[in-house]
Amino acid sequence: MESGAGSGAGVEGGAGADSNGEFLRCFGRRMKLLREAAGLTQAQLGERVGYGEAQIAAVEQGRRIPRPELVDAVDREVGGRGVLVAMEGEVAKARYPSRTSPPPVPASGRG
């Protein structure tokens, strides 16, 4: 069974970090609602999909970006009927933000 440690990138700053963070919190809330509707605890879901309870909690709280394998497995286990899978494209954008975004402006306002 995979522990899930290091299996998802943390949420980091940078261009688009605010919108990515909001999306990840939204994704996490949806995942939590589906898990609860399925009558599962975080520990039970984690055991079923091969991840630790802490990893499930971190994804639900929007602190961790889930890998596609986790999204697929959770969607199956909670009976999501593709709801979470449909969001995988946005999850991928959060994981791999566009390289074409302009660099952040230094705090001093000088370049």
C-alpha atoms as a PDB file:
ATOM      1  CA  MET A   1       0.000   0.000   0.000  1.00  0.00           C
ATOM      2  CA  GLU A   2       1.377   3.412  -0.956  1.00  0.00           C
ATOM      3  CA  SER A   3       1.666   5.895   1.878  1.00  0.00           C
ATOM      4  CA  GLY A   4       0.995   8.859  -0.356  1.00  0.00           C
ATOM      5  CA  ALA A   5       3.904  10.804   1.121  1.00  0.00           C
ATOM      6  CA  GLY A   6       5.440  12.961  -1.551  1.00  0.00           C
ATOM      7  CA  SER A   7       2.909  11.756  -4.073  1.00  0.00           C
ATOM      8  CA  GLY A   8       1.430  15.183  -4.678  1.00  0.00           C
ATOM      9  CA  ALA A   9       3.017  18.558  -4.954  1.00  0.00           C
ATOM     10  CA  GLY A  10       2.363  21.140  -2.293  1.00  0.00           C
ATOM     11  CA  VAL A  11       0.553  24.329  -3.134  1.00  0.00           C
ATOM     12  CA  GLU A  12       3.243  26.897  -3.886  1.00  0.00           C
ATOM     13  CA  GLY A  13       3.233  30.617  -4.616  1.00  0.00           C
ATOM     14  CA  GLY A  14       3.823  32.260  -7.958  1.00  0.00           C
ATOM     15  CA  ALA A  15       1.740  33.522 -10.827  1.00  0.00           C
ATOM     16  CA  GLY A  16      -1.779  32.143 -10.634  1.00  0.00           C
ATOM     17  CA  ALA A  17      -1.250  30.748  -7.137  1.00  0.00           C
ATOM     18  CA  ASP A  18      -4.396  32.429  -5.776  1.00  0.00           C
ATOM     19  CA  SER A  19      -6.672  31.013  -8.467  1.00  0.00           C
ATOM     20  CA  ASN A  20      -4.980  27.608  -8.204  1.00  0.00           C
ATOM     21  CA  GLY A  21      -5.409  27.673  -4.439  1.00  0.00           C
ATOM     22  CA  GLU A  22      -9.088  28.536  -4.726  1.00  0.00           C
ATOM     23  CA  PHE A  23      -9.633  25.794  -7.287  1.00  0.00           C
ATOM     24  CA  LEU A  24      -7.863  23.238  -5.076  1.00  0.00           C
ATOM     25  CA  ARG A  25     -10.007  24.229  -2.082  1.00  0.00           C
ATOM     26  CA  CYS A  26     -13.130  23.852  -4.242  1.00  0.00           C
ATOM     27  CA  PHE A  27     -11.948  20.465  -5.506  1.00  0.00           C
ATOM     28  CA  GLY A  28     -11.215  19.386  -1.933  1.00  0.00           C
ATOM     29  CA  ARG A  29     -14.655  20.435  -0.694  1.00  0.00           C
ATOM     30  CA  ARG A  30     -16.295  18.465  -3.497  1.00  0.00           C
ATOM     31  CA  MET A  31     -14.159  15.419  -2.703  1.00  0.00           C
ATOM     32  CA  LYS A  32     -15.063  15.685   0.994  1.00  0.00           C
ATOM     33  CA  LEU A  33     -18.788  15.949   0.235  1.00  0.00           C
ATOM     34  CA  LEU A  34     -18.643  12.869  -1.992  1.00  0.00           C
ATOM     35  CA  ARG A  35     -16.628  10.946   0.628  1.00  0.00           C
ATOM     36  CA  GLU A  36     -19.105  11.839   3.368  1.00  0.00           C
ATOM     37  CA  ALA A  37     -22.073  10.951   1.144  1.00  0.00           C
ATOM     38  CA  ALA A  38     -20.429   7.547   0.639  1.00  0.00           C
ATOM     39  CA  GLY A  39     -20.252   7.156   4.435  1.00  0.00           C
ATOM     40  CA  LEU A  40     -16.462   6.956   4.561  1.00  0.00           C
ATOM     41  CA  THR A  41     -13.956   8.529   6.926  1.00  0.00           C
ATOM     42  CA  GLN A  42     -10.715   9.954   5.572  1.00  0.00           C
ATOM     43  CA  ALA A  43      -8.887   6.923   6.980  1.00  0.00           C
ATOM     44  CA  GLN A  44     -11.290   4.474   5.327  1.00  0.00           C
ATOM     45  CA  LEU A  45     -11.059   6.204   1.964  1.00  0.00           C
ATOM     46  CA  GLY A  46      -7.287   6.395   2.229  1.00  0.00           C
ATOM     47  CA  GLU A  47      -7.072   2.685   2.942  1.00  0.00           C
ATOM     48  CA  ARG A  48      -9.287   1.863  -0.044  1.00  0.00           C
ATOM     49  CA  VAL A  49      -7.262   3.964  -2.482  1.00  0.00           C
ATOM     50  CA  GLY A  50      -3.792   3.226  -1.093  1.00  0.00           C
ATOM     51  CA  TYR A  51      -3.038   6.598   0.489  1.00  0.00           C
ATOM     52  CA  GLY A  52      -2.712   7.744   4.058  1.00  0.00           C
ATOM     53  CA  GLU A  53      -5.380   9.593   5.994  1.00  0.00           C
ATOM     54  CA  ALA A  54      -3.124  12.680   6.137  1.00  0.00           C
ATOM     55  CA  GLN A  55      -2.874  12.755   2.328  1.00  0.00           C
ATOM     56  CA  ILE A  56      -6.667  12.573   1.957  1.00  0.00           C
ATOM     57  CA  ALA A  57      -7.072  15.359   4.529  1.00  0.00           C
ATOM     58  CA  ALA A  58      -4.483  17.540   2.787  1.00  0.00           C
ATOM     59  CA  VAL A  59      -6.241  17.174  -0.575  1.00  0.00           C
ATOM     60  CA  GLU A  60      -9.642  17.901   0.974  1.00  0.00           C
ATOM     61  CA  GLN A  61      -8.242  21.053   2.584  1.00  0.00           C
ATOM     62  CA  GLY A  62      -6.664  22.233  -0.678  1.00  0.00           C
ATOM     63  CA  ARG A  63      -3.137  21.967   0.738  1.00  0.00           C
ATOM     64  CA  ARG A  64      -2.002  19.199  -1.608  1.00  0.00           C
ATOM     65  CA  ILE A  65      -2.437  18.711  -5.348  1.00  0.00           C
ATOM     66  CA  PRO A  66      -3.725  15.192  -6.026  1.00  0.00           C
ATOM     67  CA  ARG A  67      -2.169  12.972  -8.678  1.00  0.00           C
ATOM     68  CA  PRO A  68      -4.474  11.759 -11.455  1.00  0.00           C
ATOM     69  CA  GLU A  69      -4.319   8.209 -10.050  1.00  0.00           C
ATOM     70  CA  LEU A  70      -5.683   9.429  -6.720  1.00  0.00           C
ATOM     71  CA  VAL A  71      -8.448  11.438  -8.388  1.00  0.00           C
ATOM     72  CA  ASP A  72      -9.515   8.391 -10.435  1.00  0.00           C
ATOM     73  CA  ALA A  73      -9.433   6.040  -7.438  1.00  0.00           C
ATOM     74  CA  VAL A  74     -11.338   8.410  -5.150  1.00  0.00           C
ATOM     75  CA  ASP A  75     -13.986   9.063  -7.806  1.00  0.00           C
ATOM     76  CA  ARG A  76     -14.504   5.301  -8.137  1.00  0.00           C
ATOM     77  CA  GLU A  77     -14.607   4.630  -4.381  1.00  0.00           C
ATOM     78  CA  VAL A  78     -17.045   7.403  -3.490  1.00  0.00           C
ATOM     79  CA  GLY A  79     -19.329   6.791  -6.465  1.00  0.00           C
ATOM     80  CA  GLY A  80     -18.501  10.187  -7.934  1.00  0.00           C
ATOM     81  CA  ARG A  81     -19.701   9.120 -11.382  1.00  0.00           C
ATOM     82  CA  GLY A  82     -16.937  11.083 -13.057  1.00  0.00           C
ATOM     83  CA  VAL A  83     -17.417  14.357 -11.166  1.00  0.00           C
ATOM     84  CA  LEU A  84     -13.858  14.410  -9.816  1.00  0.00           C
ATOM     85  CA  VAL A  85     -12.385  12.922 -12.999  1.00  0.00           C
ATOM     86  CA  ALA A  86     -13.970  15.754 -14.981  1.00  0.00           C
ATOM     87  CA  MET A  87     -11.892  18.184 -12.908  1.00  0.00           C
ATOM     88  CA  GLU A  88      -8.553  16.475 -13.683  1.00  0.00           C
ATOM     89  CA  GLY A  89      -7.666  19.029 -16.368  1.00  0.00           C
ATOM     90  CA  GLU A  90      -7.877  21.861 -13.865  1.00  0.00           C
ATOM     91  CA  VAL A  91      -5.941  19.795 -11.311  1.00  0.00           C
ATOM     92  CA  ALA A  92      -3.203  19.351 -13.919  1.00  0.00           C
ATOM     93  CA  LYS A  93      -3.124  23.115 -14.530  1.00  0.00           C
ATOM     94  CA  ALA A  94      -2.624  23.660 -10.791  1.00  0.00           C
ATOM     95  CA  ARG A  95       0.160  21.080 -10.753  1.00  0.00           C
ATOM     96  CA  TYR A  96       1.901  22.404 -13.874  1.00  0.00           C
ATOM     97  CA  PRO A  97       1.110  26.128 -14.198  1.00  0.00           C
ATOM     98  CA  SER A  98       1.708  27.787 -17.548  1.00  0.00           C
ATOM     99  CA  ARG A  99       5.320  28.620 -18.268  1.00  0.00           C
ATOM    100  CA  THR A 100       4.175  31.638 -20.254  1.00  0.00           C
ATOM    101  CA  SER A 101       3.028  33.605 -17.208  1.00  0.00           C
ATOM    102  CA  PRO A 102       5.054  36.732 -16.511  1.00  0.00           C
ATOM    103  CA  PRO A 103       7.502  36.534 -13.616  1.00  0.00           C
ATOM    104  CA  PRO A 104       6.319  38.038 -10.313  1.00  0.00           C
ATOM    105  CA  VAL A 105       7.188  41.694  -9.755  1.00  0.00           C
ATOM    106  CA  PRO A 106       9.720  42.228  -6.923  1.00  0.00           C
ATOM    107  CA  ALA A 107       8.218  43.675  -3.728  1.00  0.00           C
ATOM    108  CA  SER A 108      10.188  46.905  -4.220  1.00  0.00           C
ATOM    109  CA  GLY A 109       8.388  47.454  -7.531  1.00  0.00           C
ATOM    110  CA  ARG A 110      11.700  47.628  -9.364  1.00  0.00           C
ATOM    111  CA  GLY A 111      12.715  45.079 -12.005  1.00  0.00           C
END
